[in-house]
Amino acid sequence: MKLILKKVGVLSAAKLQGVISAVLGIFVGIIYSIIIFFTFLLQGSALTGLLLGILALIGASIGYGLLGFVFGALGTWLYNVFAEKIGGIELTFEKE
């Protein structure tokens, strides 16, 4: 059975992309936090490194989430525009 995906809900796709990107941002933030902490630790300022590391973790997750939402919405909107003109993605399903 073949189905064609002609339209995707922009808000629902953007929310999903935002959450996925925020989770990715947490991992990136952890890496940045570790680097920042040890950089400041070597300079003798562990507390500053810790605070900036926490800030990097929070900032990366929020920043990645917001950018994921915006670009997820933009990409989905563009998909809908082009799918209307040239056709959507063809999906094939098989019943077992």
N, C-alpha and C. Protein backbone atom coordinates (compact mmCIF):
# COMPACT_ATOMS: atom_id res chain seq x y z
N MET A 1 0.86 -1.17 0.00
CA MET A 1 0.00 0.00 0.00
C MET A 1 0.91 1.24 0.00
N LYS A 2 0.71 2.11 -0.96
CA LYS A 2 1.51 3.33 -1.05
C LYS A 2 0.69 4.52 -0.59
N LEU A 3 1.30 5.35 0.22
CA LEU A 3 0.70 6.59 0.68
C LEU A 3 1.66 7.72 0.40
N ILE A 4 1.14 8.90 0.20
CA ILE A 4 1.99 10.06 -0.05
C ILE A 4 1.76 11.07 1.07
N LEU A 5 2.87 11.47 1.71
CA LEU A 5 2.84 12.47 2.77
C LEU A 5 2.79 13.84 2.12
N LYS A 6 1.62 14.46 2.11
CA LYS A 6 1.45 15.73 1.40
C LYS A 6 1.63 16.94 2.29
N LYS A 7 1.36 16.80 3.58
CA LYS A 7 1.44 17.95 4.47
C LYS A 7 1.80 17.48 5.87
N VAL A 8 2.62 18.30 6.55
CA VAL A 8 3.04 18.02 7.92
C VAL A 8 2.64 19.22 8.78
N GLY A 9 2.15 18.97 9.98
CA GLY A 9 1.80 20.06 10.89
C GLY A 9 3.06 20.80 11.33
N VAL A 10 3.12 22.08 11.01
CA VAL A 10 4.32 22.87 11.28
C VAL A 10 4.62 22.95 12.77
N LEU A 11 3.64 23.26 13.57
CA LEU A 11 3.86 23.42 15.01
C LEU A 11 4.26 22.10 15.66
N SER A 12 3.61 21.00 15.28
CA SER A 12 3.95 19.71 15.88
C SER A 12 5.36 19.28 15.51
N ALA A 13 5.75 19.49 14.27
CA ALA A 13 7.11 19.13 13.84
C ALA A 13 8.14 20.03 14.51
N ALA A 14 7.82 21.31 14.65
CA ALA A 14 8.75 22.26 15.27
C ALA A 14 8.95 21.92 16.75
N LYS A 15 7.87 21.55 17.45
CA LYS A 15 8.01 21.17 18.86
C LYS A 15 8.88 19.94 19.01
N LEU A 16 8.66 18.96 18.16
CA LEU A 16 9.46 17.74 18.23
C LEU A 16 10.93 18.04 17.94
N GLN A 17 11.19 18.82 16.91
CA GLN A 17 12.56 19.18 16.58
C GLN A 17 13.21 20.00 17.69
N GLY A 18 12.43 20.87 18.32
CA GLY A 18 12.94 21.66 19.44
C GLY A 18 13.36 20.79 20.61
N VAL A 19 12.57 19.79 20.94
CA VAL A 19 12.90 18.89 22.06
C VAL A 19 14.12 18.04 21.72
N ILE A 20 14.16 17.51 20.50
CA ILE A 20 15.32 16.71 20.09
C ILE A 20 16.59 17.55 20.15
N SER A 21 16.51 18.78 19.67
CA SER A 21 17.67 19.67 19.68
C SER A 21 18.07 20.06 21.09
N ALA A 22 17.11 20.25 21.98
CA ALA A 22 17.43 20.58 23.37
C ALA A 22 18.17 19.43 24.05
N VAL A 23 17.76 18.21 23.77
CA VAL A 23 18.46 17.04 24.33
C VAL A 23 19.89 17.00 23.79
N LEU A 24 20.05 17.25 22.50
CA LEU A 24 21.39 17.33 21.92
C LEU A 24 22.19 18.45 22.58
N GLY A 25 21.53 19.57 22.86
CA GLY A 25 22.18 20.69 23.52
C GLY A 25 22.67 20.34 24.92
N ILE A 26 21.96 19.46 25.61
CA ILE A 26 22.41 19.02 26.94
C ILE A 26 23.75 18.30 26.81
N PHE A 27 23.86 17.42 25.83
CA PHE A 27 25.12 16.69 25.64
C PHE A 27 26.26 17.64 25.25
N VAL A 28 25.97 18.57 24.35
CA VAL A 28 26.99 19.55 23.97
C VAL A 28 27.35 20.42 25.17
N GLY A 29 26.35 20.82 25.94
CA GLY A 29 26.58 21.63 27.14
C GLY A 29 27.45 20.92 28.17
N ILE A 30 27.27 19.62 28.31
CA ILE A 30 28.10 18.85 29.24
C ILE A 30 29.56 18.90 28.80
N ILE A 31 29.79 18.71 27.52
CA ILE A 31 31.16 18.76 27.00
C ILE A 31 31.77 20.13 27.23
N TYR A 32 31.02 21.18 26.87
CA TYR A 32 31.52 22.55 27.09
C TYR A 32 31.76 22.81 28.58
N SER A 33 30.87 22.34 29.42
CA SER A 33 31.01 22.55 30.87
C SER A 33 32.30 21.93 31.40
N ILE A 34 32.57 20.74 30.97
CA ILE A 34 33.79 20.06 31.41
C ILE A 34 35.03 20.82 30.95
N ILE A 35 35.03 21.24 29.69
CA ILE A 35 36.17 21.99 29.16
C ILE A 35 36.36 23.31 29.91
N ILE A 36 35.28 24.03 30.12
CA ILE A 36 35.34 25.32 30.82
C ILE A 36 35.82 25.12 32.26
N PHE A 37 35.25 24.12 32.94
CA PHE A 37 35.62 23.89 34.33
C PHE A 37 37.12 23.60 34.47
N PHE A 38 37.62 22.68 33.65
CA PHE A 38 39.03 22.33 33.78
C PHE A 38 39.96 23.45 33.33
N THR A 39 39.51 24.25 32.37
CA THR A 39 40.31 25.41 31.95
C THR A 39 40.47 26.39 33.10
N PHE A 40 39.37 26.69 33.78
CA PHE A 40 39.45 27.61 34.91
C PHE A 40 40.10 26.97 36.13
N LEU A 41 39.95 25.66 36.28
CA LEU A 41 40.60 24.97 37.39
C LEU A 41 42.12 25.07 37.27
N LEU A 42 42.62 24.93 36.05
CA LEU A 42 44.06 25.05 35.83
C LEU A 42 44.57 26.46 36.09
N GLN A 43 43.67 27.43 35.97
CA GLN A 43 44.05 28.82 36.23
C GLN A 43 43.83 29.19 37.70
N GLY A 44 43.35 28.27 38.49
CA GLY A 44 43.18 28.50 39.92
C GLY A 44 41.85 29.10 40.31
N SER A 45 40.86 29.02 39.44
CA SER A 45 39.56 29.60 39.75
C SER A 45 38.46 28.56 39.50
N ALA A 46 38.41 27.58 40.38
CA ALA A 46 37.47 26.48 40.22
C ALA A 46 36.01 26.93 40.32
N LEU A 47 35.71 27.84 41.23
CA LEU A 47 34.33 28.30 41.39
C LEU A 47 33.83 29.02 40.14
N THR A 48 34.67 29.87 39.57
CA THR A 48 34.29 30.56 38.33
C THR A 48 34.06 29.54 37.22
N GLY A 49 34.94 28.56 37.12
CA GLY A 49 34.79 27.51 36.12
C GLY A 49 33.52 26.71 36.30
N LEU A 50 33.19 26.42 37.55
CA LEU A 50 31.97 25.68 37.84
C LEU A 50 30.73 26.49 37.44
N LEU A 51 30.71 27.75 37.82
CA LEU A 51 29.54 28.61 37.49
C LEU A 51 29.40 28.81 35.98
N LEU A 52 30.51 29.07 35.31
CA LEU A 52 30.45 29.24 33.86
C LEU A 52 30.10 27.93 33.16
N GLY A 53 30.55 26.81 33.72
CA GLY A 53 30.20 25.51 33.16
C GLY A 53 28.71 25.24 33.26
N ILE A 54 28.13 25.56 34.41
CA ILE A 54 26.68 25.39 34.58
C ILE A 54 25.93 26.31 33.62
N LEU A 55 26.40 27.53 33.48
CA LEU A 55 25.79 28.47 32.55
C LEU A 55 25.87 27.95 31.11
N ALA A 56 27.00 27.36 30.75
CA ALA A 56 27.16 26.79 29.40
C ALA A 56 26.18 25.65 29.18
N LEU A 57 26.00 24.83 30.20
CA LEU A 57 25.06 23.71 30.09
C LEU A 57 23.63 24.21 29.87
N ILE A 58 23.22 25.18 30.67
CA ILE A 58 21.87 25.73 30.54
C ILE A 58 21.71 26.46 29.21
N GLY A 59 22.71 27.28 28.88
CA GLY A 59 22.64 28.05 27.64
C GLY A 59 22.61 27.19 26.39
N ALA A 60 23.42 26.14 26.39
CA ALA A 60 23.46 25.26 25.22
C ALA A 60 22.13 24.54 25.03
N SER A 61 21.55 24.04 26.11
CA SER A 61 20.28 23.31 25.96
C SER A 61 19.15 24.24 25.53
N ILE A 62 19.09 25.43 26.10
CA ILE A 62 18.03 26.38 25.71
C ILE A 62 18.27 26.88 24.28
N GLY A 63 19.52 27.23 23.99
CA GLY A 63 19.84 27.74 22.65
C GLY A 63 19.58 26.70 21.56
N TYR A 64 20.04 25.48 21.79
CA TYR A 64 19.81 24.42 20.81
C TYR A 64 18.31 24.16 20.65
N GLY A 65 17.57 24.17 21.76
CA GLY A 65 16.13 23.93 21.70
C GLY A 65 15.41 25.00 20.90
N LEU A 66 15.75 26.26 21.14
CA LEU A 66 15.11 27.35 20.40
C LEU A 66 15.44 27.31 18.92
N LEU A 67 16.71 27.11 18.62
CA LEU A 67 17.11 27.03 17.21
C LEU A 67 16.48 25.82 16.52
N GLY A 68 16.39 24.70 17.24
CA GLY A 68 15.74 23.52 16.68
C GLY A 68 14.28 23.78 16.38
N PHE A 69 13.61 24.48 17.27
CA PHE A 69 12.19 24.82 17.06
C PHE A 69 12.04 25.71 15.83
N VAL A 70 12.85 26.77 15.75
CA VAL A 70 12.74 27.72 14.63
C VAL A 70 13.05 27.04 13.31
N PHE A 71 14.16 26.31 13.24
CA PHE A 71 14.53 25.68 11.98
C PHE A 71 13.65 24.47 11.67
N GLY A 72 13.11 23.83 12.69
CA GLY A 72 12.14 22.77 12.46
C GLY A 72 10.87 23.31 11.83
N ALA A 73 10.41 24.46 12.32
CA ALA A 73 9.22 25.11 11.75
C ALA A 73 9.49 25.55 10.32
N LEU A 74 10.65 26.17 10.11
CA LEU A 74 10.99 26.64 8.77
C LEU A 74 11.11 25.48 7.79
N GLY A 75 11.79 24.42 8.20
CA GLY A 75 11.95 23.26 7.32
C GLY A 75 10.63 22.59 7.01
N THR A 76 9.76 22.49 8.00
CA THR A 76 8.45 21.87 7.78
C THR A 76 7.59 22.74 6.87
N TRP A 77 7.63 24.04 7.08
CA TRP A 77 6.87 24.95 6.22
C TRP A 77 7.35 24.83 4.78
N LEU A 78 8.67 24.80 4.58
CA LEU A 78 9.22 24.65 3.23
C LEU A 78 8.82 23.31 2.62
N TYR A 79 8.83 22.25 3.43
CA TYR A 79 8.39 20.95 2.93
C TYR A 79 6.96 21.05 2.41
N ASN A 80 6.08 21.67 3.20
CA ASN A 80 4.69 21.78 2.79
C ASN A 80 4.55 22.58 1.49
N VAL A 81 5.32 23.65 1.34
CA VAL A 81 5.26 24.47 0.12
C VAL A 81 5.69 23.64 -1.09
N PHE A 82 6.83 22.96 -0.97
CA PHE A 82 7.34 22.20 -2.11
C PHE A 82 6.55 20.92 -2.37
N ALA A 83 6.05 20.28 -1.32
CA ALA A 83 5.26 19.07 -1.50
C ALA A 83 3.97 19.37 -2.26
N GLU A 84 3.42 20.55 -2.04
CA GLU A 84 2.21 20.95 -2.76
C GLU A 84 2.48 21.12 -4.25
N LYS A 85 3.68 21.58 -4.58
CA LYS A 85 4.02 21.86 -5.98
C LYS A 85 4.57 20.64 -6.72
N ILE A 86 5.42 19.85 -6.07
CA ILE A 86 6.07 18.75 -6.78
C ILE A 86 5.71 17.37 -6.24
N GLY A 87 4.93 17.31 -5.21
CA GLY A 87 4.53 16.03 -4.63
C GLY A 87 5.27 15.77 -3.33
N GLY A 88 4.63 14.98 -2.50
CA GLY A 88 5.22 14.69 -1.19
C GLY A 88 6.08 13.46 -1.21
N ILE A 89 6.49 13.04 -0.04
CA ILE A 89 7.30 11.84 0.11
C ILE A 89 6.39 10.63 -0.02
N GLU A 90 6.80 9.67 -0.84
CA GLU A 90 6.02 8.48 -1.03
C GLU A 90 6.42 7.46 0.03
N LEU A 91 5.43 6.97 0.75
CA LEU A 91 5.65 5.98 1.80
C LEU A 91 4.99 4.68 1.38
N THR A 92 5.68 3.57 1.57
CA THR A 92 5.11 2.27 1.25
C THR A 92 4.96 1.48 2.53
N PHE A 93 3.74 1.00 2.77
CA PHE A 93 3.44 0.21 3.95
C PHE A 93 3.07 -1.19 3.52
N GLU A 94 3.42 -2.14 4.36
CA GLU A 94 3.11 -3.53 4.06
C GLU A 94 2.41 -4.15 5.26
N LYS A 95 1.34 -4.83 4.99
CA LYS A 95 0.58 -5.50 6.05
C LYS A 95 1.16 -6.89 6.26
N GLU A 96 1.37 -7.26 7.53
CA GLU A 96 1.92 -8.59 7.81
C GLU A 96 0.83 -9.57 8.04
